[in-house]
Amino acid sequence: MKRYFQWMVAGLIDRRWVSVAIAATVFLVFGSTELVARGAGENAGGVDEPAHGTRDTESIAEGLRGLGIQTLREDVDAIDFTLESLSGGEITLSEYRGSLVFLNFWATWCGPCIEEMPSMQVLYDEFAHRGLEIIAVNLQENRETVAEFITEYPYTYPIALDYRGSVASRYSVRGIPTSYFIAPDGRILGMKLGFRLWDDPEVIEFFDTIVPGS
């Protein structure tokens, strides 16, 4: 399958402190985003500014930024999609309404993606029973390639197959791994471009305060 991408290093993790080789971001070429602010007719512009809303929303936004997760300038609804599931059937984002959703874009050839996936499993094991959902969207690889990978690394969170990269394009994914965090009401809370260890104590502590059922 033909891919258009270039490797660019977004940062390095010191091997003395964590058991990963590097934290990098693979930058991709996709079309324009369809993320639209609530009540707006144009794309919401950029990230990095505090989300606006209630005191609870501000508190969550502050916590996300403390973890290196960018928040949006305006309230933005997550774009619904339906993709084939690796396990069979389909995955539709809107069916996860009522749960906090961790939406992750990845590929088997992406080293930083592979490095962070075990920590995602830890987070999933810790909070899935309380309402956290993780959807790992694989980009532009065939089912056989992804199935072979999961046989070797048996992660239990759902794997969606974005064969053409259309969902990634609509979410303005410019590099992987990219992760979005979606509130139970379907609003995007924030996004993270690049690698992160999702089982850090500070991450676990924060999710313990925001996952439904806490």
N, C-alpha and C. Protein backbone atom coordinates (compact mmCIF):
# COMPACT_ATOMS: atom_id res chain seq x y z
N MET A 1 0.85 -1.19 0.00
CA MET A 1 0.00 0.00 0.00
C MET A 1 0.89 1.23 0.00
N LYS A 2 0.55 2.18 -0.84
CA LYS A 2 1.37 3.37 -0.98
C LYS A 2 1.05 4.36 0.13
N ARG A 3 2.06 4.84 0.82
CA ARG A 3 1.86 5.81 1.88
C ARG A 3 2.68 7.05 1.57
N TYR A 4 2.19 8.20 1.98
CA TYR A 4 2.93 9.43 1.85
C TYR A 4 3.20 9.93 3.26
N PHE A 5 4.43 9.85 3.70
CA PHE A 5 4.76 10.31 5.04
C PHE A 5 6.24 10.62 5.11
N GLN A 6 6.62 11.34 6.12
CA GLN A 6 8.03 11.59 6.38
C GLN A 6 8.26 11.47 7.87
N TRP A 7 9.43 10.97 8.23
CA TRP A 7 9.78 10.81 9.63
C TRP A 7 10.39 12.11 10.14
N MET A 8 9.90 12.57 11.28
CA MET A 8 10.47 13.74 11.92
C MET A 8 10.50 13.49 13.41
N VAL A 9 11.58 13.79 14.06
CA VAL A 9 11.69 13.57 15.49
C VAL A 9 11.15 14.79 16.22
N ALA A 10 10.14 14.56 17.06
CA ALA A 10 9.53 15.66 17.81
C ALA A 10 10.19 15.82 19.17
N GLY A 11 10.86 14.79 19.67
CA GLY A 11 11.51 14.89 20.97
C GLY A 11 12.16 13.58 21.33
N LEU A 12 13.00 13.59 22.37
CA LEU A 12 13.69 12.38 22.79
C LEU A 12 13.42 12.13 24.26
N ILE A 13 13.35 10.85 24.62
CA ILE A 13 13.21 10.44 26.00
C ILE A 13 14.53 9.86 26.46
N ASP A 14 15.06 10.33 27.58
CA ASP A 14 16.33 9.86 28.10
C ASP A 14 16.20 8.40 28.51
N ARG A 15 17.04 7.54 27.97
CA ARG A 15 16.97 6.10 28.26
C ARG A 15 17.25 5.81 29.73
N ARG A 16 17.93 6.73 30.41
CA ARG A 16 18.24 6.49 31.82
C ARG A 16 16.99 6.55 32.68
N TRP A 17 15.95 7.20 32.16
CA TRP A 17 14.78 7.42 32.99
C TRP A 17 13.57 6.60 32.57
N VAL A 18 13.43 6.24 31.31
CA VAL A 18 12.31 5.42 30.87
C VAL A 18 12.80 4.35 29.93
N SER A 19 12.04 3.24 29.88
CA SER A 19 12.48 2.09 29.09
C SER A 19 11.92 2.15 27.68
N VAL A 20 12.17 3.26 26.99
CA VAL A 20 11.83 3.38 25.59
C VAL A 20 13.03 3.94 24.86
N ALA A 21 13.16 3.63 23.58
CA ALA A 21 14.31 4.10 22.82
C ALA A 21 14.19 5.58 22.52
N ILE A 22 13.08 5.99 21.89
CA ILE A 22 12.87 7.40 21.61
C ILE A 22 11.39 7.71 21.60
N ALA A 23 11.08 8.99 21.80
CA ALA A 23 9.70 9.45 21.63
C ALA A 23 9.71 10.35 20.42
N ALA A 24 9.06 9.92 19.37
CA ALA A 24 9.06 10.68 18.12
C ALA A 24 7.65 10.77 17.60
N THR A 25 7.49 11.59 16.62
CA THR A 25 6.21 11.71 15.95
C THR A 25 6.42 11.49 14.47
N VAL A 26 5.60 10.64 13.87
CA VAL A 26 5.64 10.43 12.43
C VAL A 26 4.63 11.38 11.80
N PHE A 27 5.11 12.34 11.00
CA PHE A 27 4.22 13.32 10.40
C PHE A 27 3.70 12.83 9.07
N LEU A 28 2.40 13.05 8.84
CA LEU A 28 1.70 12.52 7.69
C LEU A 28 1.14 13.65 6.84
N VAL A 29 0.73 13.30 5.63
CA VAL A 29 0.09 14.25 4.74
C VAL A 29 -1.35 13.83 4.52
N PHE A 30 -2.28 14.64 5.02
CA PHE A 30 -3.71 14.37 4.86
C PHE A 30 -4.40 15.64 4.41
N GLY A 31 -5.70 15.54 4.20
CA GLY A 31 -6.49 16.71 3.81
C GLY A 31 -6.86 17.56 5.01
N SER A 32 -7.80 18.46 4.80
CA SER A 32 -8.15 19.43 5.83
C SER A 32 -9.07 18.82 6.88
N THR A 33 -9.07 19.45 8.05
CA THR A 33 -9.90 18.99 9.15
C THR A 33 -11.37 19.34 8.92
N GLU A 34 -12.24 18.58 9.58
CA GLU A 34 -13.66 18.91 9.59
C GLU A 34 -14.12 19.24 11.01
N LEU A 35 -13.18 19.40 11.94
CA LEU A 35 -13.56 19.73 13.30
C LEU A 35 -14.14 21.13 13.33
N VAL A 36 -15.36 21.25 13.84
CA VAL A 36 -16.06 22.53 13.81
C VAL A 36 -16.53 22.88 15.22
N ALA A 37 -16.31 24.12 15.61
CA ALA A 37 -16.74 24.57 16.92
C ALA A 37 -18.25 24.52 17.03
N ARG A 38 -18.75 24.23 18.21
CA ARG A 38 -20.19 24.20 18.44
C ARG A 38 -20.77 25.57 18.13
N GLY A 39 -21.79 25.60 17.28
CA GLY A 39 -22.45 26.84 16.95
C GLY A 39 -21.71 27.67 15.92
N ALA A 40 -20.61 27.12 15.35
CA ALA A 40 -19.82 27.88 14.38
C ALA A 40 -19.95 27.24 13.02
N GLY A 41 -19.75 28.02 11.99
CA GLY A 41 -19.84 27.51 10.63
C GLY A 41 -18.50 27.30 10.01
N GLU A 42 -17.41 27.59 10.77
CA GLU A 42 -16.07 27.43 10.25
C GLU A 42 -15.29 26.53 11.19
N ASN A 43 -14.14 26.06 10.71
CA ASN A 43 -13.30 25.21 11.53
C ASN A 43 -12.85 25.96 12.77
N ALA A 44 -12.79 25.24 13.89
CA ALA A 44 -12.23 25.83 15.10
C ALA A 44 -10.74 26.00 14.89
N GLY A 45 -10.22 27.13 15.27
CA GLY A 45 -8.82 27.40 14.96
C GLY A 45 -7.88 26.96 16.05
N GLY A 46 -7.04 26.00 15.77
CA GLY A 46 -5.86 25.69 16.56
C GLY A 46 -6.13 25.14 17.94
N VAL A 47 -5.02 25.08 18.70
CA VAL A 47 -5.06 24.55 20.04
C VAL A 47 -4.23 25.44 20.94
N ASP A 48 -3.95 24.99 22.13
CA ASP A 48 -3.04 25.62 23.08
C ASP A 48 -3.71 26.60 24.04
N GLU A 49 -4.94 27.07 23.74
CA GLU A 49 -5.59 28.00 24.64
C GLU A 49 -6.56 27.25 25.55
N PRO A 50 -6.89 27.82 26.71
CA PRO A 50 -7.80 27.15 27.63
C PRO A 50 -9.18 26.93 27.01
N ALA A 51 -9.78 25.80 27.35
CA ALA A 51 -11.17 25.57 26.96
C ALA A 51 -12.06 26.44 27.84
N HIS A 52 -13.16 26.92 27.28
CA HIS A 52 -14.04 27.80 28.03
C HIS A 52 -15.31 27.06 28.41
N GLY A 53 -15.84 27.37 29.56
CA GLY A 53 -17.08 26.72 29.98
C GLY A 53 -17.26 26.83 31.48
N THR A 54 -17.73 25.77 32.09
CA THR A 54 -17.99 25.77 33.52
C THR A 54 -16.70 25.65 34.29
N ARG A 55 -16.82 25.83 35.62
CA ARG A 55 -15.63 25.69 36.46
C ARG A 55 -15.07 24.28 36.35
N ASP A 56 -15.93 23.27 36.26
CA ASP A 56 -15.47 21.90 36.11
C ASP A 56 -14.69 21.74 34.81
N THR A 57 -15.20 22.32 33.74
CA THR A 57 -14.51 22.25 32.46
C THR A 57 -13.14 22.89 32.55
N GLU A 58 -13.06 24.05 33.19
CA GLU A 58 -11.79 24.73 33.34
C GLU A 58 -10.81 23.89 34.15
N SER A 59 -11.32 23.24 35.19
CA SER A 59 -10.47 22.41 36.03
C SER A 59 -9.92 21.22 35.25
N ILE A 60 -10.77 20.60 34.44
CA ILE A 60 -10.32 19.49 33.61
C ILE A 60 -9.30 19.96 32.58
N ALA A 61 -9.57 21.11 31.97
CA ALA A 61 -8.64 21.65 30.97
C ALA A 61 -7.28 21.93 31.59
N GLU A 62 -7.28 22.47 32.79
CA GLU A 62 -6.02 22.75 33.47
C GLU A 62 -5.26 21.45 33.74
N GLY A 63 -6.00 20.43 34.17
CA GLY A 63 -5.37 19.13 34.42
C GLY A 63 -4.80 18.51 33.17
N LEU A 64 -5.53 18.63 32.06
CA LEU A 64 -5.04 18.10 30.78
C LEU A 64 -3.76 18.80 30.35
N ARG A 65 -3.74 20.11 30.46
CA ARG A 65 -2.55 20.86 30.08
C ARG A 65 -1.36 20.48 30.95
N GLY A 66 -1.64 20.17 32.21
CA GLY A 66 -0.57 19.73 33.10
C GLY A 66 0.05 18.41 32.67
N LEU A 67 -0.69 17.62 31.90
CA LEU A 67 -0.19 16.35 31.38
C LEU A 67 0.39 16.49 29.98
N GLY A 68 0.46 17.72 29.48
CA GLY A 68 0.98 17.94 28.13
C GLY A 68 -0.05 17.71 27.05
N ILE A 69 -1.33 17.73 27.43
CA ILE A 69 -2.42 17.54 26.47
C ILE A 69 -2.98 18.91 26.11
N GLN A 70 -3.04 19.22 24.83
CA GLN A 70 -3.52 20.52 24.39
C GLN A 70 -5.04 20.59 24.44
N THR A 71 -5.54 21.73 24.88
CA THR A 71 -6.98 21.94 24.91
C THR A 71 -7.38 22.89 23.79
N LEU A 72 -8.65 22.88 23.43
CA LEU A 72 -9.13 23.67 22.30
C LEU A 72 -9.62 25.04 22.74
N ARG A 73 -9.56 26.00 21.82
CA ARG A 73 -10.00 27.36 22.13
C ARG A 73 -11.51 27.46 22.26
N GLU A 74 -12.23 26.57 21.59
CA GLU A 74 -13.69 26.59 21.63
C GLU A 74 -14.19 25.16 21.82
N ASP A 75 -15.45 25.06 22.25
CA ASP A 75 -16.06 23.73 22.35
C ASP A 75 -16.22 23.15 20.96
N VAL A 76 -15.71 21.95 20.77
CA VAL A 76 -15.75 21.28 19.47
C VAL A 76 -16.32 19.88 19.66
N ASP A 77 -17.30 19.54 18.86
CA ASP A 77 -17.87 18.20 18.90
C ASP A 77 -17.00 17.22 18.12
N ALA A 78 -16.79 16.05 18.68
CA ALA A 78 -16.07 15.00 17.96
C ALA A 78 -16.89 14.56 16.75
N ILE A 79 -16.22 14.34 15.63
CA ILE A 79 -16.89 13.92 14.41
C ILE A 79 -17.21 12.43 14.49
N ASP A 80 -18.45 12.10 14.25
CA ASP A 80 -18.85 10.70 14.29
C ASP A 80 -18.24 9.95 13.10
N PHE A 81 -18.01 8.67 13.30
CA PHE A 81 -17.49 7.83 12.22
C PHE A 81 -17.87 6.38 12.49
N THR A 82 -17.85 5.60 11.45
CA THR A 82 -18.01 4.15 11.55
C THR A 82 -16.89 3.50 10.77
N LEU A 83 -16.13 2.64 11.45
CA LEU A 83 -15.03 1.92 10.83
C LEU A 83 -15.15 0.43 11.12
N GLU A 84 -14.54 -0.35 10.27
CA GLU A 84 -14.47 -1.79 10.50
C GLU A 84 -13.63 -2.06 11.74
N SER A 85 -14.07 -3.02 12.53
CA SER A 85 -13.34 -3.42 13.72
C SER A 85 -12.46 -4.62 13.41
N LEU A 86 -11.27 -4.64 14.00
CA LEU A 86 -10.38 -5.78 13.79
C LEU A 86 -11.00 -7.08 14.28
N SER A 87 -11.79 -6.98 15.33
CA SER A 87 -12.39 -8.19 15.92
C SER A 87 -13.66 -8.63 15.21
N GLY A 88 -14.09 -7.85 14.20
CA GLY A 88 -15.32 -8.16 13.48
C GLY A 88 -16.38 -7.12 13.76
N GLY A 89 -17.26 -6.92 12.81
CA GLY A 89 -18.29 -5.90 12.98
C GLY A 89 -17.75 -4.51 12.72
N GLU A 90 -18.40 -3.52 13.34
CA GLU A 90 -18.05 -2.13 13.12
C GLU A 90 -17.92 -1.39 14.45
N ILE A 91 -17.18 -0.30 14.41
CA ILE A 91 -17.05 0.59 15.55
C ILE A 91 -17.60 1.95 15.14
N THR A 92 -18.61 2.42 15.86
CA THR A 92 -19.20 3.73 15.61
C THR A 92 -18.99 4.60 16.84
N LEU A 93 -18.35 5.74 16.65
CA LEU A 93 -17.98 6.58 17.78
C LEU A 93 -19.19 7.00 18.60
N SER A 94 -20.28 7.38 17.95
CA SER A 94 -21.45 7.89 18.68
C SER A 94 -22.06 6.86 19.61
N GLU A 95 -21.78 5.59 19.39
CA GLU A 95 -22.29 4.55 20.27
C GLU A 95 -21.58 4.54 21.63
N TYR A 96 -20.51 5.33 21.74
CA TYR A 96 -19.76 5.41 22.99
C TYR A 96 -20.18 6.63 23.81
N ARG A 97 -21.23 7.34 23.37
CA ARG A 97 -21.73 8.47 24.15
C ARG A 97 -22.05 8.00 25.57
N GLY A 98 -21.71 8.84 26.53
CA GLY A 98 -21.90 8.48 27.93
C GLY A 98 -20.62 7.98 28.58
N SER A 99 -19.59 7.74 27.77
CA SER A 99 -18.30 7.30 28.28
C SER A 99 -17.22 8.31 27.91
N LEU A 100 -16.18 8.36 28.69
CA LEU A 100 -14.99 9.12 28.33
C LEU A 100 -14.22 8.29 27.32
N VAL A 101 -13.91 8.87 26.16
CA VAL A 101 -13.26 8.13 25.08
C VAL A 101 -11.84 8.65 24.85
N PHE A 102 -10.91 7.73 24.82
CA PHE A 102 -9.51 7.98 24.46
C PHE A 102 -9.38 7.46 23.02
N LEU A 103 -9.31 8.37 22.07
CA LEU A 103 -9.24 8.02 20.64
C LEU A 103 -7.80 8.19 20.17
N ASN A 104 -7.17 7.08 19.79
CA ASN A 104 -5.75 7.08 19.46
C ASN A 104 -5.54 6.66 18.01
N PHE A 105 -4.72 7.43 17.28
CA PHE A 105 -4.37 7.11 15.90
C PHE A 105 -2.95 6.55 15.87
N TRP A 106 -2.77 5.40 15.18
CA TRP A 106 -1.49 4.70 15.24
C TRP A 106 -1.29 3.85 13.99
N ALA A 107 -0.09 3.24 13.89
CA ALA A 107 0.21 2.27 12.83
C ALA A 107 1.28 1.32 13.35
N THR A 108 1.33 0.13 12.77
CA THR A 108 2.29 -0.88 13.24
C THR A 108 3.73 -0.51 12.90
N TRP A 109 3.93 0.37 11.90
CA TRP A 109 5.28 0.77 11.50
C TRP A 109 5.77 2.00 12.25
N CYS A 110 4.94 2.50 13.15
CA CYS A 110 5.25 3.71 13.91
C CYS A 110 5.85 3.33 15.26
N GLY A 111 7.16 3.49 15.40
CA GLY A 111 7.84 3.13 16.64
C GLY A 111 7.27 3.79 17.88
N PRO A 112 7.07 5.10 17.89
CA PRO A 112 6.51 5.76 19.06
C PRO A 112 5.11 5.25 19.42
N CYS A 113 4.32 4.90 18.41
CA CYS A 113 2.99 4.34 18.66
C CYS A 113 3.11 3.03 19.44
N ILE A 114 3.98 2.17 18.96
CA ILE A 114 4.16 0.86 19.58
C ILE A 114 4.66 1.01 21.01
N GLU A 115 5.54 2.00 21.25
CA GLU A 115 6.10 2.20 22.58
C GLU A 115 5.05 2.63 23.59
N GLU A 116 4.03 3.38 23.17
CA GLU A 116 3.06 3.88 24.14
C GLU A 116 1.88 2.94 24.35
N MET A 117 1.70 1.95 23.46
CA MET A 117 0.52 1.10 23.55
C MET A 117 0.43 0.26 24.82
N PRO A 118 1.54 -0.26 25.37
CA PRO A 118 1.42 -0.99 26.63
C PRO A 118 0.89 -0.12 27.77
N SER A 119 1.29 1.14 27.81
CA SER A 119 0.80 2.03 28.86
C SER A 119 -0.68 2.36 28.66
N MET A 120 -1.13 2.37 27.41
CA MET A 120 -2.56 2.54 27.14
C MET A 120 -3.34 1.35 27.68
N GLN A 121 -2.77 0.16 27.56
CA GLN A 121 -3.43 -1.03 28.08
C GLN A 121 -3.55 -0.96 29.60
N VAL A 122 -2.51 -0.45 30.26
CA VAL A 122 -2.57 -0.28 31.71
C VAL A 122 -3.71 0.66 32.09
N LEU A 123 -3.82 1.78 31.37
CA LEU A 123 -4.89 2.74 31.63
C LEU A 123 -6.26 2.10 31.39
N TYR A 124 -6.36 1.32 30.33
CA TYR A 124 -7.61 0.64 30.00
C TYR A 124 -7.99 -0.37 31.08
N ASP A 125 -7.02 -1.15 31.53
CA ASP A 125 -7.28 -2.14 32.58
C ASP A 125 -7.73 -1.46 33.87
N GLU A 126 -7.18 -0.29 34.13
CA GLU A 126 -7.48 0.43 35.37
C GLU A 126 -8.87 1.06 35.37
N PHE A 127 -9.32 1.56 34.21
CA PHE A 127 -10.52 2.38 34.20
C PHE A 127 -11.65 1.92 33.28
N ALA A 128 -11.45 0.87 32.53
CA ALA A 128 -12.51 0.42 31.60
C ALA A 128 -13.79 0.07 32.34
N HIS A 129 -13.67 -0.53 33.50
CA HIS A 129 -14.86 -0.93 34.25
C HIS A 129 -15.63 0.27 34.79
N ARG A 130 -14.99 1.44 34.78
CA ARG A 130 -15.64 2.66 35.26
C ARG A 130 -16.13 3.56 34.12
N GLY A 131 -15.93 3.13 32.89
CA GLY A 131 -16.48 3.90 31.79
C GLY A 131 -15.49 4.50 30.82
N LEU A 132 -14.19 4.27 31.02
CA LEU A 132 -13.21 4.74 30.04
C LEU A 132 -13.20 3.79 28.84
N GLU A 133 -13.30 4.36 27.65
CA GLU A 133 -13.21 3.57 26.42
C GLU A 133 -11.99 4.03 25.63
N ILE A 134 -11.23 3.08 25.14
CA ILE A 134 -10.10 3.38 24.25
C ILE A 134 -10.41 2.80 22.88
N ILE A 135 -10.29 3.63 21.86
CA ILE A 135 -10.43 3.18 20.47
C ILE A 135 -9.11 3.49 19.77
N ALA A 136 -8.41 2.47 19.34
CA ALA A 136 -7.13 2.63 18.65
C ALA A 136 -7.37 2.51 17.14
N VAL A 137 -7.27 3.62 16.43
CA VAL A 137 -7.56 3.67 15.00
C VAL A 137 -6.27 3.45 14.21
N ASN A 138 -6.18 2.31 13.55
CA ASN A 138 -5.01 2.01 12.73
C ASN A 138 -5.12 2.70 11.38
N LEU A 139 -4.02 3.27 10.92
CA LEU A 139 -4.02 4.05 9.69
C LEU A 139 -3.47 3.30 8.50
N GLN A 140 -4.30 3.11 7.51
CA GLN A 140 -3.91 2.72 6.16
C GLN A 140 -3.09 1.43 6.05
N GLU A 141 -3.43 0.47 6.91
CA GLU A 141 -2.81 -0.85 6.81
C GLU A 141 -3.90 -1.89 6.60
N ASN A 142 -3.54 -3.01 6.00
CA ASN A 142 -4.55 -4.04 5.76
C ASN A 142 -4.81 -4.85 7.03
N ARG A 143 -5.93 -5.53 7.02
CA ARG A 143 -6.36 -6.30 8.19
C ARG A 143 -5.32 -7.33 8.60
N GLU A 144 -4.72 -8.01 7.64
CA GLU A 144 -3.77 -9.07 7.93
C GLU A 144 -2.56 -8.53 8.70
N THR A 145 -2.06 -7.37 8.30
CA THR A 145 -0.91 -6.77 8.97
C THR A 145 -1.24 -6.42 10.42
N VAL A 146 -2.40 -5.83 10.63
CA VAL A 146 -2.80 -5.43 11.98
C VAL A 146 -3.08 -6.66 12.83
N ALA A 147 -3.74 -7.66 12.26
CA ALA A 147 -4.05 -8.89 13.00
C ALA A 147 -2.78 -9.60 13.44
N GLU A 148 -1.78 -9.62 12.58
CA GLU A 148 -0.50 -10.24 12.93
C GLU A 148 0.15 -9.50 14.09
N PHE A 149 0.07 -8.18 14.06
CA PHE A 149 0.64 -7.37 15.15
C PHE A 149 -0.06 -7.66 16.47
N ILE A 150 -1.39 -7.71 16.45
CA ILE A 150 -2.15 -7.93 17.68
C ILE A 150 -1.96 -9.35 18.20
N THR A 151 -1.67 -10.29 17.32
CA THR A 151 -1.35 -11.64 17.77
C THR A 151 -0.10 -11.63 18.64
N GLU A 152 0.85 -10.80 18.24
CA GLU A 152 2.10 -10.69 19.00
C GLU A 152 1.94 -9.82 20.24
N TYR A 153 1.11 -8.80 20.12
CA TYR A 153 0.87 -7.87 21.24
C TYR A 153 -0.64 -7.83 21.49
N PRO A 154 -1.15 -8.72 22.33
CA PRO A 154 -2.60 -8.89 22.47
C PRO A 154 -3.29 -7.83 23.33
N TYR A 155 -3.35 -6.60 22.81
CA TYR A 155 -4.07 -5.54 23.51
C TYR A 155 -5.57 -5.81 23.42
N THR A 156 -6.29 -5.45 24.48
CA THR A 156 -7.70 -5.81 24.55
C THR A 156 -8.65 -4.66 24.22
N TYR A 157 -8.15 -3.44 24.09
CA TYR A 157 -9.04 -2.34 23.71
C TYR A 157 -9.36 -2.45 22.22
N PRO A 158 -10.49 -1.90 21.79
CA PRO A 158 -10.93 -2.05 20.40
C PRO A 158 -9.96 -1.43 19.40
N ILE A 159 -9.77 -2.12 18.27
CA ILE A 159 -8.93 -1.65 17.17
C ILE A 159 -9.83 -1.38 15.97
N ALA A 160 -9.81 -0.14 15.48
CA ALA A 160 -10.58 0.23 14.29
C ALA A 160 -9.63 0.37 13.11
N LEU A 161 -10.12 0.07 11.91
CA LEU A 161 -9.28 0.04 10.71
C LEU A 161 -9.67 1.18 9.77
N ASP A 162 -8.81 2.18 9.70
CA ASP A 162 -9.03 3.34 8.83
C ASP A 162 -8.20 3.13 7.56
N TYR A 163 -8.71 2.28 6.67
CA TYR A 163 -7.94 1.84 5.51
C TYR A 163 -7.46 2.99 4.63
N ARG A 164 -8.29 3.98 4.42
CA ARG A 164 -7.95 5.08 3.52
C ARG A 164 -7.44 6.32 4.25
N GLY A 165 -7.43 6.28 5.57
CA GLY A 165 -7.01 7.45 6.33
C GLY A 165 -8.04 8.56 6.35
N SER A 166 -9.28 8.24 6.01
CA SER A 166 -10.31 9.27 5.90
C SER A 166 -10.69 9.85 7.26
N VAL A 167 -10.77 9.00 8.29
CA VAL A 167 -11.11 9.50 9.62
C VAL A 167 -9.96 10.34 10.17
N ALA A 168 -8.74 9.89 9.96
CA ALA A 168 -7.57 10.66 10.39
C ALA A 168 -7.56 12.04 9.74
N SER A 169 -7.91 12.08 8.47
CA SER A 169 -7.96 13.35 7.75
C SER A 169 -9.01 14.28 8.36
N ARG A 170 -10.17 13.74 8.67
CA ARG A 170 -11.25 14.55 9.24
C ARG A 170 -10.89 15.07 10.62
N TYR A 171 -10.04 14.34 11.33
CA TYR A 171 -9.58 14.77 12.64
C TYR A 171 -8.28 15.58 12.57
N SER A 172 -7.88 15.93 11.36
CA SER A 172 -6.69 16.76 11.15
C SER A 172 -5.44 16.14 11.78
N VAL A 173 -5.32 14.83 11.66
CA VAL A 173 -4.15 14.14 12.19
C VAL A 173 -2.97 14.42 11.26
N ARG A 174 -1.96 15.08 11.79
CA ARG A 174 -0.78 15.43 11.01
C ARG A 174 0.42 14.55 11.32
N GLY A 175 0.34 13.83 12.41
CA GLY A 175 1.42 12.93 12.81
C GLY A 175 0.89 11.90 13.78
N ILE A 176 1.60 10.80 13.92
CA ILE A 176 1.18 9.77 14.86
C ILE A 176 2.34 9.39 15.77
N PRO A 177 1.99 8.98 17.00
CA PRO A 177 0.63 8.85 17.53
C PRO A 177 -0.01 10.21 17.81
N THR A 178 -1.31 10.27 17.59
CA THR A 178 -2.14 11.40 18.00
C THR A 178 -3.31 10.85 18.81
N SER A 179 -3.58 11.48 19.93
CA SER A 179 -4.65 11.02 20.81
C SER A 179 -5.63 12.15 21.09
N TYR A 180 -6.91 11.85 21.00
CA TYR A 180 -7.98 12.78 21.36
C TYR A 180 -8.71 12.25 22.58
N PHE A 181 -9.17 13.17 23.42
CA PHE A 181 -9.96 12.80 24.59
C PHE A 181 -11.34 13.44 24.45
N ILE A 182 -12.36 12.59 24.47
CA ILE A 182 -13.72 13.00 24.15
C ILE A 182 -14.61 12.79 25.37
N ALA A 183 -15.30 13.85 25.77
CA ALA A 183 -16.17 13.82 26.94
C ALA A 183 -17.40 12.95 26.69
N PRO A 184 -18.07 12.51 27.75
CA PRO A 184 -19.27 11.70 27.58
C PRO A 184 -20.35 12.35 26.72
N ASP A 185 -20.36 13.70 26.65
CA ASP A 185 -21.36 14.38 25.82
C ASP A 185 -20.90 14.56 24.38
N GLY A 186 -19.74 14.00 24.03
CA GLY A 186 -19.26 14.07 22.65
C GLY A 186 -18.37 15.25 22.35
N ARG A 187 -18.06 16.06 23.35
CA ARG A 187 -17.21 17.23 23.16
C ARG A 187 -15.74 16.84 23.28
N ILE A 188 -14.90 17.40 22.43
CA ILE A 188 -13.46 17.12 22.51
C ILE A 188 -12.86 17.90 23.68
N LEU A 189 -12.25 17.17 24.61
CA LEU A 189 -11.61 17.79 25.76
C LEU A 189 -10.20 18.26 25.43
N GLY A 190 -9.48 17.50 24.62
CA GLY A 190 -8.11 17.87 24.30
C GLY A 190 -7.48 16.86 23.37
N MET A 191 -6.24 17.16 22.94
CA MET A 191 -5.52 16.25 22.07
C MET A 191 -4.03 16.27 22.41
N LYS A 192 -3.39 15.16 22.12
CA LYS A 192 -1.96 15.00 22.35
C LYS A 192 -1.30 14.51 21.07
N LEU A 193 -0.36 15.28 20.55
CA LEU A 193 0.43 14.86 19.40
C LEU A 193 1.73 14.27 19.90
N GLY A 194 1.99 13.02 19.56
CA GLY A 194 3.25 12.40 19.94
C GLY A 194 3.11 11.42 21.10
N PHE A 195 4.23 10.81 21.40
CA PHE A 195 4.34 9.75 22.41
C PHE A 195 4.09 10.27 23.83
N ARG A 196 3.48 9.39 24.65
CA ARG A 196 3.39 9.63 26.09
C ARG A 196 3.25 8.31 26.80
N LEU A 197 3.79 8.25 28.01
CA LEU A 197 3.55 7.09 28.87
C LEU A 197 2.25 7.33 29.62
N TRP A 198 1.23 6.56 29.28
CA TRP A 198 -0.10 6.79 29.84
C TRP A 198 -0.32 6.10 31.18
N ASP A 199 0.70 5.40 31.67
CA ASP A 199 0.57 4.78 32.99
C ASP A 199 1.41 5.49 34.04
N ASP A 200 1.89 6.71 33.73
CA ASP A 200 2.56 7.51 34.74
C ASP A 200 1.62 7.73 35.92
N PRO A 201 2.15 7.78 37.15
CA PRO A 201 1.29 8.01 38.31
C PRO A 201 0.43 9.27 38.19
N GLU A 202 0.99 10.35 37.61
CA GLU A 202 0.22 11.59 37.49
C GLU A 202 -0.96 11.41 36.52
N VAL A 203 -0.77 10.59 35.50
CA VAL A 203 -1.86 10.32 34.56
C VAL A 203 -2.95 9.50 35.24
N ILE A 204 -2.55 8.45 35.94
CA ILE A 204 -3.51 7.60 36.64
C ILE A 204 -4.30 8.42 37.65
N GLU A 205 -3.61 9.27 38.40
CA GLU A 205 -4.28 10.10 39.40
C GLU A 205 -5.29 11.04 38.75
N PHE A 206 -4.91 11.65 37.63
CA PHE A 206 -5.82 12.57 36.96
C PHE A 206 -7.05 11.85 36.42
N PHE A 207 -6.84 10.72 35.74
CA PHE A 207 -7.98 9.98 35.19
C PHE A 207 -8.90 9.47 36.30
N ASP A 208 -8.34 9.22 37.46
CA ASP A 208 -9.15 8.77 38.59
C ASP A 208 -10.17 9.83 38.99
N THR A 209 -9.85 11.10 38.70
CA THR A 209 -10.75 12.19 39.07
C THR A 209 -11.78 12.52 38.00
N ILE A 210 -11.54 12.11 36.74
CA ILE A 210 -12.45 12.53 35.66
C ILE A 210 -13.23 11.39 35.02
N VAL A 211 -12.80 10.15 35.21
CA VAL A 211 -13.52 9.04 34.59
C VAL A 211 -14.86 8.85 35.29
N PRO A 212 -15.95 8.72 34.55
CA PRO A 212 -17.26 8.49 35.17
C PRO A 212 -17.21 7.32 36.14
N GLY A 213 -17.90 7.46 37.25
CA GLY A 213 -17.92 6.41 38.25
C GLY A 213 -16.92 6.62 39.36
N SER A 214 -16.11 7.69 39.21
CA SER A 214 -15.12 7.98 40.25
C SER A 214 -15.80 8.61 41.46
